[in-house]
C-alpha atoms as a PDB file:
ATOM      1  CA  MET A   1     -44.599  10.997  27.050  1.00  0.00           C
ATOM      2  CA  LEU A   2     -47.386  13.493  26.587  1.00  0.00           C
ATOM      3  CA  VAL A   3     -47.723  15.820  29.563  1.00  0.00           C
ATOM      4  CA  TYR A   4     -50.696  18.088  30.103  1.00  0.00           C
ATOM      5  CA  TYR A   5     -50.830  20.441  33.025  1.00  0.00           C
ATOM      6  CA  LYS A   6     -53.201  23.097  34.208  1.00  0.00           C
ATOM      7  CA  CYS A   7     -52.447  25.337  37.151  1.00  0.00           C
ATOM      8  CA  ILE A   8     -55.217  27.086  39.000  1.00  0.00           C
ATOM      9  CA  SER A   9     -54.202  29.509  41.716  1.00  0.00           C
ATOM     10  CA  ILE A  10     -56.923  30.370  44.201  1.00  0.00           C
ATOM     11  CA  GLN A  11     -56.346  32.471  47.283  1.00  0.00           C
ATOM     12  CA  ALA A  12     -58.357  30.955  50.116  1.00  0.00           C
ATOM     13  CA  GLU A  13     -57.405  31.965  53.649  1.00  0.00           C
ATOM     14  CA  GLY A  14     -53.793  32.586  52.591  1.00  0.00           C
ATOM     15  CA  MET A  15     -53.425  29.203  50.886  1.00  0.00           C
ATOM     16  CA  THR A  16     -52.690  28.579  47.210  1.00  0.00           C
ATOM     17  CA  VAL A  17     -54.345  25.597  45.550  1.00  0.00           C
ATOM     18  CA  MET A  18     -52.751  23.978  42.516  1.00  0.00           C
ATOM     19  CA  LYS A  19     -54.233  21.205  40.391  1.00  0.00           C
ATOM     20  CA  LEU A  20     -52.005  19.070  38.187  1.00  0.00           C
ATOM     21  CA  GLY A  21     -52.975  16.407  35.684  1.00  0.00           C
ATOM     22  CA  ILE A  22     -50.588  14.155  33.784  1.00  0.00           C
ATOM     23  CA  VAL A  23     -51.764  12.223  30.748  1.00  0.00           C
ATOM     24  CA  GLY A  24     -49.674   9.765  28.775  1.00  0.00           C
ATOM     25  CA  LEU A  25     -49.172   6.247  27.567  1.00  0.00           C
ATOM     26  CA  PRO A  26     -49.009   3.384  30.093  1.00  0.00           C
ATOM     27  CA  ASN A  27     -45.623   2.407  31.530  1.00  0.00           C
ATOM     28  CA  VAL A  28     -43.728   5.564  30.594  1.00  0.00           C
ATOM     29  CA  GLY A  29     -42.870   6.795  34.105  1.00  0.00           C
ATOM     30  CA  LYS A  30     -45.710   9.128  35.033  1.00  0.00           C
ATOM     31  CA  SER A  31     -45.910   7.756  38.578  1.00  0.00           C
ATOM     32  CA  THR A  32     -42.150   8.099  38.969  1.00  0.00           C
ATOM     33  CA  LEU A  33     -42.548  11.879  38.952  1.00  0.00           C
ATOM     34  CA  PHE A  34     -44.576  11.683  42.159  1.00  0.00           C
ATOM     35  CA  ASN A  35     -42.573   8.887  43.791  1.00  0.00           C
ATOM     36  CA  ALA A  36     -39.213  10.651  43.387  1.00  0.00           C
END
């Protein structure tokens, strides 16, 4: 599984925002990471 991630930390009113993207072949368990 190919995993690509990019973290962006932005301070906005004391909150940290993080963006995450996962790219890979179909049916390799990408959704399982979020469902666990």
